[in-house]
Amino acid sequence: MRALLFSLTALLLGLRPGLAQTLELTVEPQVVEPDELITLELRVDTAVADLRGYTLDLHYDRDRVSVFSIYEGGLMLAHTPTFFYWEDSGANGNSVIHIDHAILGGTVGASGPGVLCTVVLRAEDCGIETVWVDNALFRDMENAPLAVGLGGGVEHQVCQVPPLQITRLTDGRMRLTWDRGLNVDEYHLWTRERWYQPWLYLATTTDTFWVDPGTPGPQMRLYRLTLLHH
């Protein structure tokens, strides 16, 4: 499983004339099973200088994951003592982690690139999670606010194969539906009539639904879904 790197463009005005800094969110692994841990690293990807502190809101889907732990990254810890505060709260069906992080005292700020902080999440339930940052404010050594422009979110998936939902139609056929998977080219469907029989190929689709044309009447079938990733 590969880490998914998603760059949130952040123009830290005043840190260095003409240089755009990028706040990068790294998710690893990209696909997990329930109860596994996911590591998010928030890092500045270029040579930031004299950074005293920042505040931001990190949004995640609380139906998919829960917060396991949060700790400081090496970029700020190189200039101890530091103040590191975070609070987890719900908003609009998601959860929001508010982070406030600063260097206390001193005359030299943090210099990058490097990790600002690490958030560890525990996978809870199947589905695709979107994580994004907003309300970000970076401050220089004089605590002057620096304008920050942010991009969109990054997707992350719990459960390698989404669960199948099976509905019997009025004509007796079975309609199969499932949630989409990340980086999937094709969905393959398989069937058997008894649990001990081998799986038989049924169909290939790029949709997230399929109607079995061979299931009218009372006969029962078992179904299996597999994915072809690019």
C-alpha atoms as a PDB file:
ATOM      1  CA  MET A   1       0.000   0.000   0.000  1.00  0.00           C
ATOM      2  CA  ARG A   2       1.379   3.315  -0.977  1.00  0.00           C
ATOM      3  CA  ALA A   3       1.249   6.555   0.905  1.00  0.00           C
ATOM      4  CA  LEU A   4      -0.996   9.117  -0.675  1.00  0.00           C
ATOM      5  CA  LEU A   5       0.601  12.528  -0.814  1.00  0.00           C
ATOM      6  CA  PHE A   6      -1.745  15.429  -1.240  1.00  0.00           C
ATOM      7  CA  SER A   7      -0.383  18.972  -1.357  1.00  0.00           C
ATOM      8  CA  LEU A   8      -2.401  21.748   0.167  1.00  0.00           C
ATOM      9  CA  THR A   9      -0.983  24.932  -1.335  1.00  0.00           C
ATOM     10  CA  ALA A  10      -0.136  27.417   1.386  1.00  0.00           C
ATOM     11  CA  LEU A  11       1.424  30.747   0.494  1.00  0.00           C
ATOM     12  CA  LEU A  12       3.237  31.803   3.625  1.00  0.00           C
ATOM     13  CA  LEU A  13       3.580  35.452   2.762  1.00  0.00           C
ATOM     14  CA  GLY A  14       6.468  37.192   4.466  1.00  0.00           C
ATOM     15  CA  LEU A  15       8.592  34.134   5.205  1.00  0.00           C
ATOM     16  CA  ARG A  16      10.643  34.560   2.068  1.00  0.00           C
ATOM     17  CA  PRO A  17       9.857  36.960  -0.807  1.00  0.00           C
ATOM     18  CA  GLY A  18       8.668  35.184  -3.926  1.00  0.00           C
ATOM     19  CA  LEU A  19       8.753  31.683  -2.357  1.00  0.00           C
ATOM     20  CA  ALA A  20       5.556  29.667  -1.976  1.00  0.00           C
ATOM     21  CA  GLN A  21       5.543  27.194   0.914  1.00  0.00           C
ATOM     22  CA  THR A  22       3.362  24.080   0.732  1.00  0.00           C
ATOM     23  CA  LEU A  23       1.569  22.383   3.610  1.00  0.00           C
ATOM     24  CA  GLU A  24       1.684  18.686   2.699  1.00  0.00           C
ATOM     25  CA  LEU A  25      -0.592  16.037   4.199  1.00  0.00           C
ATOM     26  CA  THR A  26       0.771  12.480   3.998  1.00  0.00           C
ATOM     27  CA  VAL A  27      -1.577   9.516   4.593  1.00  0.00           C
ATOM     28  CA  GLU A  28      -0.129   6.043   5.150  1.00  0.00           C
ATOM     29  CA  PRO A  29      -1.327   3.452   4.428  1.00  0.00           C
ATOM     30  CA  GLN A  30      -3.950   4.629   1.953  1.00  0.00           C
ATOM     31  CA  VAL A  31      -6.202   1.565   2.420  1.00  0.00           C
ATOM     32  CA  VAL A  32      -6.662  -0.178   5.786  1.00  0.00           C
ATOM     33  CA  GLU A  33      -8.962  -2.658   7.486  1.00  0.00           C
ATOM     34  CA  PRO A  34     -11.029  -1.846  10.615  1.00  0.00           C
ATOM     35  CA  ASP A  35      -8.954  -1.532  13.840  1.00  0.00           C
ATOM     36  CA  GLU A  36      -5.759  -0.769  11.917  1.00  0.00           C
ATOM     37  CA  LEU A  37      -3.916   2.525  12.465  1.00  0.00           C
ATOM     38  CA  ILE A  38      -3.441   5.315   9.917  1.00  0.00           C
ATOM     39  CA  THR A  39      -0.651   7.881  10.198  1.00  0.00           C
ATOM     40  CA  LEU A  40      -1.157  11.450   8.978  1.00  0.00           C
ATOM     41  CA  GLU A  41       1.867  13.730   8.828  1.00  0.00           C
ATOM     42  CA  LEU A  42       1.474  17.478   8.351  1.00  0.00           C
ATOM     43  CA  ARG A  43       4.708  18.859   6.981  1.00  0.00           C
ATOM     44  CA  VAL A  44       6.132  21.949   5.338  1.00  0.00           C
ATOM     45  CA  ASP A  45       7.747  20.732   2.134  1.00  0.00           C
ATOM     46  CA  THR A  46      10.189  23.559   1.342  1.00  0.00           C
ATOM     47  CA  ALA A  47      12.712  25.728   3.160  1.00  0.00           C
ATOM     48  CA  VAL A  48      10.460  27.644   5.527  1.00  0.00           C
ATOM     49  CA  ALA A  49      12.339  29.912   7.969  1.00  0.00           C
ATOM     50  CA  ASP A  50      11.538  31.772  11.204  1.00  0.00           C
ATOM     51  CA  LEU A  51       8.216  30.027  11.771  1.00  0.00           C
ATOM     52  CA  ARG A  52       7.030  30.669  15.347  1.00  0.00           C
ATOM     53  CA  GLY A  53       3.667  28.907  15.272  1.00  0.00           C
ATOM     54  CA  TYR A  54       0.450  27.980  13.512  1.00  0.00           C
ATOM     55  CA  THR A  55      -3.187  27.114  14.099  1.00  0.00           C
ATOM     56  CA  LEU A  56      -5.390  25.000  11.829  1.00  0.00           C
ATOM     57  CA  ASP A  57      -8.451  22.753  11.688  1.00  0.00           C
ATOM     58  CA  LEU A  58      -8.082  19.180  10.424  1.00  0.00           C
ATOM     59  CA  HIS A  59     -11.378  17.635   9.259  1.00  0.00           C
ATOM     60  CA  TYR A  60     -12.021  13.873   9.144  1.00  0.00           C
ATOM     61  CA  ASP A  61     -15.003  11.496   8.980  1.00  0.00           C
ATOM     62  CA  ARG A  62     -15.798  10.174  12.463  1.00  0.00           C
ATOM     63  CA  ASP A  63     -17.960   7.411  10.929  1.00  0.00           C
ATOM     64  CA  ARG A  64     -14.801   5.978   9.354  1.00  0.00           C
ATOM     65  CA  VAL A  65     -12.029   6.633  11.899  1.00  0.00           C
ATOM     66  CA  SER A  66     -11.392   7.742  15.481  1.00  0.00           C
ATOM     67  CA  VAL A  67      -8.500   9.705  16.977  1.00  0.00           C
ATOM     68  CA  PHE A  68      -5.819   7.464  18.529  1.00  0.00           C
ATOM     69  CA  SER A  69      -3.050   9.968  19.304  1.00  0.00           C
ATOM     70  CA  ILE A  70      -1.535  13.298  18.197  1.00  0.00           C
ATOM     71  CA  TYR A  71       2.017  14.467  18.820  1.00  0.00           C
ATOM     72  CA  GLU A  72       4.484  17.170  17.821  1.00  0.00           C
ATOM     73  CA  GLY A  73       6.787  16.857  14.842  1.00  0.00           C
ATOM     74  CA  GLY A  74      10.503  17.474  14.725  1.00  0.00           C
ATOM     75  CA  LEU A  75      10.252  20.854  12.982  1.00  0.00           C
ATOM     76  CA  MET A  76       8.899  22.604  16.066  1.00  0.00           C
ATOM     77  CA  LEU A  77      10.561  20.366  18.683  1.00  0.00           C
ATOM     78  CA  ALA A  78      13.956  21.550  17.443  1.00  0.00           C
ATOM     79  CA  HIS A  79      13.143  24.833  19.234  1.00  0.00           C
ATOM     80  CA  THR A  80      11.855  23.859  22.672  1.00  0.00           C
ATOM     81  CA  PRO A  81      10.082  24.832  24.820  1.00  0.00           C
ATOM     82  CA  THR A  82       6.907  24.612  22.733  1.00  0.00           C
ATOM     83  CA  PHE A  83       3.170  24.885  23.333  1.00  0.00           C
ATOM     84  CA  PHE A  84       1.081  22.140  21.683  1.00  0.00           C
ATOM     85  CA  TYR A  85      -2.699  22.038  22.111  1.00  0.00           C
ATOM     86  CA  TRP A  86      -5.353  20.065  20.260  1.00  0.00           C
ATOM     87  CA  GLU A  87      -9.081  19.519  20.682  1.00  0.00           C
ATOM     88  CA  ASP A  88     -11.390  17.082  18.886  1.00  0.00           C
ATOM     89  CA  SER A  89     -14.967  18.267  18.263  1.00  0.00           C
ATOM     90  CA  GLY A  90     -17.834  17.402  15.936  1.00  0.00           C
ATOM     91  CA  ALA A  91     -19.167  19.642  13.164  1.00  0.00           C
ATOM     92  CA  ASN A  92     -21.587  19.010  10.279  1.00  0.00           C
ATOM     93  CA  GLY A  93     -21.377  15.226  10.464  1.00  0.00           C
ATOM     94  CA  ASN A  94     -17.583  15.207  10.497  1.00  0.00           C
ATOM     95  CA  SER A  95     -15.099  15.753  13.296  1.00  0.00           C
ATOM     96  CA  VAL A  96     -12.658  18.625  13.517  1.00  0.00           C
ATOM     97  CA  ILE A  97      -9.288  18.526  15.259  1.00  0.00           C
ATOM     98  CA  HIS A  98      -8.246  22.061  16.169  1.00  0.00           C
ATOM     99  CA  ILE A  99      -4.457  22.374  16.589  1.00  0.00           C
ATOM    100  CA  ASP A 100      -2.542  25.292  18.111  1.00  0.00           C
ATOM    101  CA  HIS A 101       1.238  24.924  18.071  1.00  0.00           C
ATOM    102  CA  ALA A 102       3.907  27.505  18.929  1.00  0.00           C
ATOM    103  CA  ILE A 103       7.504  28.022  19.987  1.00  0.00           C
ATOM    104  CA  LEU A 104       7.708  29.746  23.376  1.00  0.00           C
ATOM    105  CA  GLY A 105      10.288  32.503  23.700  1.00  0.00           C
ATOM    106  CA  GLY A 106      13.530  32.429  21.780  1.00  0.00           C
ATOM    107  CA  THR A 107      14.731  34.569  18.901  1.00  0.00           C
ATOM    108  CA  VAL A 108      14.987  31.932  16.141  1.00  0.00           C
ATOM    109  CA  GLY A 109      12.005  30.224  14.554  1.00  0.00           C
ATOM    110  CA  ALA A 110      11.626  26.795  12.968  1.00  0.00           C
ATOM    111  CA  SER A 111      13.347  26.108   9.652  1.00  0.00           C
ATOM    112  CA  GLY A 112      12.117  23.479   7.228  1.00  0.00           C
ATOM    113  CA  PRO A 113      11.362  21.338   5.474  1.00  0.00           C
ATOM    114  CA  GLY A 114      10.011  19.113   8.239  1.00  0.00           C
ATOM    115  CA  VAL A 115       7.049  17.605  10.087  1.00  0.00           C
ATOM    116  CA  LEU A 116       4.794  19.979  12.018  1.00  0.00           C
ATOM    117  CA  CYS A 117       2.750  17.278  13.762  1.00  0.00           C
ATOM    118  CA  THR A 118       1.569  13.687  13.406  1.00  0.00           C
ATOM    119  CA  VAL A 119      -2.023  12.487  13.808  1.00  0.00           C
ATOM    120  CA  VAL A 120      -2.670   8.758  14.336  1.00  0.00           C
ATOM    121  CA  LEU A 121      -6.188   7.519  13.555  1.00  0.00           C
ATOM    122  CA  ARG A 122      -7.849   4.149  14.145  1.00  0.00           C
ATOM    123  CA  ALA A 123      -9.976   2.728  11.307  1.00  0.00           C
ATOM    124  CA  GLU A 124     -13.552   2.019  12.424  1.00  0.00           C
ATOM    125  CA  ASP A 125     -15.967   1.269   9.563  1.00  0.00           C
ATOM    126  CA  CYS A 126     -15.857   0.609   5.818  1.00  0.00           C
ATOM    127  CA  GLY A 127     -15.979   3.500   3.366  1.00  0.00           C
ATOM    128  CA  ILE A 128     -13.979   6.345   1.898  1.00  0.00           C
ATOM    129  CA  GLU A 129     -12.798   9.067   4.242  1.00  0.00           C
ATOM    130  CA  THR A 130     -11.871  12.592   3.190  1.00  0.00           C
ATOM    131  CA  VAL A 131      -9.348  14.542   5.266  1.00  0.00           C
ATOM    132  CA  TRP A 132      -8.710  18.239   4.700  1.00  0.00           C
ATOM    133  CA  VAL A 133      -7.331  21.340   6.396  1.00  0.00           C
ATOM    134  CA  ASP A 134      -8.861  24.805   6.687  1.00  0.00           C
ATOM    135  CA  ASN A 135      -8.694  27.894   8.927  1.00  0.00           C
ATOM    136  CA  ALA A 136      -4.889  27.671   8.784  1.00  0.00           C
ATOM    137  CA  LEU A 137      -2.844  30.591  10.082  1.00  0.00           C
ATOM    138  CA  PHE A 138       0.952  30.641  10.199  1.00  0.00           C
ATOM    139  CA  ARG A 139       2.840  33.193  12.300  1.00  0.00           C
ATOM    140  CA  ASP A 140       6.367  34.577  12.063  1.00  0.00           C
ATOM    141  CA  MET A 141       8.710  35.419  14.952  1.00  0.00           C
ATOM    142  CA  GLU A 142       6.855  38.697  15.559  1.00  0.00           C
ATOM    143  CA  ASN A 143       3.504  36.841  15.631  1.00  0.00           C
ATOM    144  CA  ALA A 144       2.416  38.615  12.457  1.00  0.00           C
ATOM    145  CA  PRO A 145      -0.330  36.678  10.597  1.00  0.00           C
ATOM    146  CA  LEU A 146       0.622  35.150   7.251  1.00  0.00           C
ATOM    147  CA  ALA A 147      -2.050  34.619   4.561  1.00  0.00           C
ATOM    148  CA  VAL A 148      -2.623  30.944   3.719  1.00  0.00           C
ATOM    149  CA  GLY A 149      -4.400  29.572   0.631  1.00  0.00           C
ATOM    150  CA  LEU A 150      -5.532  25.932   0.856  1.00  0.00           C
ATOM    151  CA  GLY A 151      -6.616  23.356  -1.687  1.00  0.00           C
ATOM    152  CA  GLY A 152      -9.169  20.523  -1.381  1.00  0.00           C
ATOM    153  CA  GLY A 153      -9.161  17.285   0.594  1.00  0.00           C
ATOM    154  CA  VAL A 154      -7.449  13.910   0.307  1.00  0.00           C
ATOM    155  CA  GLU A 155      -9.308  10.595   0.140  1.00  0.00           C
ATOM    156  CA  HIS A 156      -8.516   7.533   2.218  1.00  0.00           C
ATOM    157  CA  GLN A 157     -10.267   4.154   2.322  1.00  0.00           C
ATOM    158  CA  VAL A 158     -11.282   1.799   5.137  1.00  0.00           C
ATOM    159  CA  CYS A 159     -11.797  -1.828   3.934  1.00  0.00           C
ATOM    160  CA  GLN A 160      -9.983  -3.075   0.850  1.00  0.00           C
ATOM    161  CA  VAL A 161     -13.234  -4.499  -0.594  1.00  0.00           C
ATOM    162  CA  PRO A 162     -16.493  -2.625   0.095  1.00  0.00           C
ATOM    163  CA  PRO A 163     -19.401  -4.688   1.485  1.00  0.00           C
ATOM    164  CA  LEU A 164     -22.055  -5.926  -0.965  1.00  0.00           C
ATOM    165  CA  GLN A 165     -25.663  -4.829  -0.541  1.00  0.00           C
ATOM    166  CA  ILE A 166     -28.170  -7.266  -2.122  1.00  0.00           C
ATOM    167  CA  THR A 167     -31.767  -6.340  -2.972  1.00  0.00           C
ATOM    168  CA  ARG A 168     -34.363  -8.648  -4.549  1.00  0.00           C
ATOM    169  CA  LEU A 169     -36.297  -6.865  -7.291  1.00  0.00           C
ATOM    170  CA  THR A 170     -40.031  -7.353  -7.964  1.00  0.00           C
ATOM    171  CA  ASP A 171     -39.261  -9.719 -10.860  1.00  0.00           C
ATOM    172  CA  GLY A 172     -37.109 -11.916  -8.604  1.00  0.00           C
ATOM    173  CA  ARG A 173     -33.709 -10.788  -9.873  1.00  0.00           C
ATOM    174  CA  MET A 174     -30.968  -9.673  -7.503  1.00  0.00           C
ATOM    175  CA  ARG A 175     -29.543  -6.150  -7.609  1.00  0.00           C
ATOM    176  CA  LEU A 176     -26.031  -5.864  -6.154  1.00  0.00           C
ATOM    177  CA  THR A 177     -24.680  -2.489  -5.016  1.00  0.00           C
ATOM    178  CA  TRP A 178     -21.461  -1.401  -3.282  1.00  0.00           C
ATOM    179  CA  ASP A 179     -19.433   1.709  -2.488  1.00  0.00           C
ATOM    180  CA  ARG A 180     -16.690   2.776  -4.871  1.00  0.00           C
ATOM    181  CA  GLY A 181     -13.061   1.924  -4.123  1.00  0.00           C
ATOM    182  CA  LEU A 182      -9.999   4.112  -4.569  1.00  0.00           C
ATOM    183  CA  ASN A 183      -7.948   3.629  -7.751  1.00  0.00           C
ATOM    184  CA  VAL A 184     -10.218   0.840  -9.030  1.00  0.00           C
ATOM    185  CA  ASP A 185     -10.377   0.093 -12.778  1.00  0.00           C
ATOM    186  CA  GLU A 186     -12.918  -2.746 -12.671  1.00  0.00           C
ATOM    187  CA  TYR A 187     -15.203  -4.591 -10.257  1.00  0.00           C
ATOM    188  CA  HIS A 188     -15.422  -8.376 -10.715  1.00  0.00           C
ATOM    189  CA  LEU A 189     -18.417 -10.373  -9.468  1.00  0.00           C
ATOM    190  CA  TRP A 190     -18.413 -14.065  -8.628  1.00  0.00           C
ATOM    191  CA  THR A 191     -21.119 -16.520  -7.547  1.00  0.00           C
ATOM    192  CA  ARG A 192     -21.764 -19.982  -6.113  1.00  0.00           C
ATOM    193  CA  GLU A 193     -24.833 -21.793  -4.792  1.00  0.00           C
ATOM    194  CA  ARG A 194     -23.170 -23.549  -1.818  1.00  0.00           C
ATOM    195  CA  TRP A 195     -20.452 -22.282   0.528  1.00  0.00           C
ATOM    196  CA  TYR A 196     -18.171 -25.266  -0.235  1.00  0.00           C
ATOM    197  CA  GLN A 197     -18.314 -24.856  -4.032  1.00  0.00           C
ATOM    198  CA  PRO A 198     -15.649 -22.940  -6.020  1.00  0.00           C
ATOM    199  CA  TRP A 199     -16.422 -19.363  -7.015  1.00  0.00           C
ATOM    200  CA  LEU A 200     -17.599 -18.983 -10.630  1.00  0.00           C
ATOM    201  CA  TYR A 201     -16.989 -15.806 -12.618  1.00  0.00           C
ATOM    202  CA  LEU A 202     -20.188 -13.815 -13.140  1.00  0.00           C
ATOM    203  CA  ALA A 203     -19.482 -10.331 -14.563  1.00  0.00           C
ATOM    204  CA  THR A 204     -17.126  -7.355 -14.848  1.00  0.00           C
ATOM    205  CA  THR A 205     -18.290  -3.743 -14.503  1.00  0.00           C
ATOM    206  CA  THR A 206     -16.952  -0.254 -13.900  1.00  0.00           C
ATOM    207  CA  ASP A 207     -20.194   0.754 -12.140  1.00  0.00           C
ATOM    208  CA  THR A 208     -20.986   0.311  -8.448  1.00  0.00           C
ATOM    209  CA  PHE A 209     -24.111  -1.768  -9.118  1.00  0.00           C
ATOM    210  CA  TRP A 210     -25.105  -4.832 -11.153  1.00  0.00           C
ATOM    211  CA  VAL A 211     -28.315  -6.811 -11.677  1.00  0.00           C
ATOM    212  CA  ASP A 212     -27.940 -10.586 -11.869  1.00  0.00           C
ATOM    213  CA  PRO A 213     -30.036 -11.673 -14.871  1.00  0.00           C
ATOM    214  CA  GLY A 214     -29.944 -15.320 -13.805  1.00  0.00           C
ATOM    215  CA  THR A 215     -31.662 -15.166 -10.411  1.00  0.00           C
ATOM    216  CA  PRO A 216     -35.461 -15.125 -10.956  1.00  0.00           C
ATOM    217  CA  GLY A 217     -37.421 -17.403  -8.677  1.00  0.00           C
ATOM    218  CA  PRO A 218     -36.631 -18.789  -5.211  1.00  0.00           C
ATOM    219  CA  GLN A 219     -33.114 -20.086  -5.970  1.00  0.00           C
ATOM    220  CA  MET A 220     -30.453 -18.560  -3.701  1.00  0.00           C
ATOM    221  CA  ARG A 221     -26.939 -17.576  -4.747  1.00  0.00           C
ATOM    222  CA  LEU A 222     -23.862 -16.425  -2.874  1.00  0.00           C
ATOM    223  CA  TYR A 223     -21.918 -13.472  -4.257  1.00  0.00           C
ATOM    224  CA  ARG A 224     -18.352 -12.213  -4.012  1.00  0.00           C
ATOM    225  CA  LEU A 225     -16.831  -8.910  -5.130  1.00  0.00           C
ATOM    226  CA  THR A 226     -13.166  -8.425  -6.102  1.00  0.00           C
ATOM    227  CA  LEU A 227     -11.375  -5.301  -7.381  1.00  0.00           C
ATOM    228  CA  LEU A 228      -8.847  -4.621 -10.119  1.00  0.00           C
ATOM    229  CA  HIS A 229      -6.629  -1.674  -9.165  1.00  0.00           C
ATOM    230  CA  HIS A 230      -4.520   0.471 -11.462  1.00  0.00           C
END
